[in-house]
Amino acid sequence: MVDNKAKQGGKAPETETPDYTAERDELMQATQQFFRSLFRAGVQVALVPVNMLPPEPREHFKVAGREFSRGMATLVQEIANDVEKIVEEGIEGQAGD
């Protein structure tokens, strides 16, 4: 029998941990792409009734949707600013006590 250590130059075999980062990154990218395409398909299905409208009402609906989204974003931003002011006033009030 031939000694395995002799074949390897007299050194004990080194145990290396496999590097799975490339596979993990590939899986993460594939998962993100899948969920993006799934989301896009869901949006298209949700917009089927809107896309069946004649061009003028369809555009009006889309513009109204954008305005609604901007209004909601502005509302959320204003609420966040008000909460931040309240917190700052509370901190200043506590510091003065």
Protein backbone atom coordinates (compact mmCIF):
# COMPACT_ATOMS: atom_id res chain seq x y z
CA MET A 1 0.00 0.00 0.00
CA VAL A 2 1.14 3.48 -0.80
CA ASP A 3 0.99 6.03 1.95
CA ASN A 4 -1.34 8.97 1.15
CA LYS A 5 0.99 11.38 2.94
CA ALA A 6 3.80 10.37 0.62
CA LYS A 7 1.65 11.19 -2.41
CA GLN A 8 0.95 14.64 -1.05
CA GLY A 9 4.54 15.47 -0.39
CA GLY A 10 4.48 14.44 3.25
CA LYS A 11 1.99 17.12 4.26
CA ALA A 12 -1.33 16.50 5.92
CA PRO A 13 -4.30 17.47 3.70
CA GLU A 14 -5.63 20.95 4.35
CA THR A 15 -9.34 21.32 4.84
CA GLU A 16 -10.72 24.27 2.95
CA THR A 17 -14.16 25.65 3.48
CA PRO A 18 -15.87 26.09 0.16
CA ASP A 19 -16.67 29.65 -0.91
CA TYR A 20 -20.39 29.88 -1.54
CA THR A 21 -20.56 33.66 -1.99
CA ALA A 22 -20.73 33.45 -5.78
CA GLU A 23 -23.56 30.93 -5.63
CA ARG A 24 -25.35 32.97 -2.95
CA ASP A 25 -25.05 36.15 -5.03
CA GLU A 26 -26.37 34.36 -8.10
CA LEU A 27 -29.29 32.95 -6.13
CA MET A 28 -30.04 36.39 -4.66
CA GLN A 29 -30.04 38.00 -8.11
CA ALA A 30 -32.28 35.28 -9.54
CA THR A 31 -34.69 35.66 -6.61
CA GLN A 32 -34.82 39.44 -7.00
CA GLN A 33 -35.45 39.13 -10.73
CA PHE A 34 -38.21 36.57 -10.10
CA PHE A 35 -40.01 38.77 -7.58
CA ARG A 36 -39.66 41.85 -9.81
CA SER A 37 -41.21 40.00 -12.73
CA LEU A 38 -43.91 38.62 -10.45
CA PHE A 39 -44.66 42.16 -9.22
CA ARG A 40 -44.78 43.50 -12.79
CA ALA A 41 -47.16 40.73 -13.80
CA GLY A 42 -49.40 41.53 -10.82
CA VAL A 43 -49.46 45.20 -11.73
CA GLN A 44 -50.36 44.37 -15.32
CA VAL A 45 -53.19 42.11 -14.16
CA ALA A 46 -54.46 44.83 -11.81
CA LEU A 47 -54.41 47.38 -14.64
CA VAL A 48 -56.33 45.23 -17.14
CA PRO A 49 -59.65 47.04 -16.46
CA VAL A 50 -57.93 50.42 -16.77
CA ASN A 51 -56.24 49.44 -20.02
CA MET A 52 -59.64 48.45 -21.44
CA LEU A 53 -60.83 52.06 -21.08
CA PRO A 54 -60.76 54.41 -24.07
CA PRO A 55 -57.54 56.48 -24.31
CA GLU A 56 -58.85 59.73 -22.78
CA PRO A 57 -60.39 58.25 -19.59
CA ARG A 58 -57.39 55.92 -19.26
CA GLU A 59 -54.99 58.87 -19.21
CA HIS A 60 -57.24 60.72 -16.76
CA PHE A 61 -57.22 57.68 -14.46
CA LYS A 62 -53.42 57.39 -14.62
CA VAL A 63 -52.94 61.11 -13.94
CA ALA A 64 -55.35 60.89 -10.99
CA GLY A 65 -53.39 57.91 -9.65
CA ARG A 66 -50.12 59.85 -9.87
CA GLU A 67 -51.67 62.85 -8.12
CA PHE A 68 -53.06 60.59 -5.39
CA SER A 69 -49.62 58.99 -4.90
CA ARG A 70 -47.90 62.38 -4.67
CA GLY A 71 -50.54 63.59 -2.23
CA MET A 72 -50.06 60.55 -0.01
CA ALA A 73 -46.27 60.96 -0.12
CA THR A 74 -46.63 64.63 0.85
CA LEU A 75 -49.02 63.74 3.67
CA VAL A 76 -46.63 61.14 5.06
CA GLN A 77 -43.73 63.59 4.82
CA GLU A 78 -45.70 66.29 6.67
CA ILE A 79 -46.68 63.82 9.41
CA ALA A 80 -43.05 62.76 9.75
CA ASN A 81 -41.96 66.40 10.04
CA ASP A 82 -44.62 67.08 12.69
CA VAL A 83 -43.59 64.02 14.69
CA GLU A 84 -39.96 65.10 14.47
CA LYS A 85 -40.86 68.56 15.79
CA ILE A 86 -42.83 67.03 18.67
CA VAL A 87 -39.90 64.78 19.56
CA GLU A 88 -37.44 67.68 19.43
CA GLU A 89 -39.71 69.78 21.65
CA GLY A 90 -40.01 66.88 24.07
CA ILE A 91 -36.24 66.46 24.22
CA GLU A 92 -35.72 70.19 24.75
CA GLY A 93 -38.44 70.22 27.44
CA GLN A 94 -36.78 67.35 29.26
CA ALA A 95 -33.37 68.98 29.04
CA GLY A 96 -34.73 72.17 30.61
CA ASP A 97 -36.23 70.33 33.60
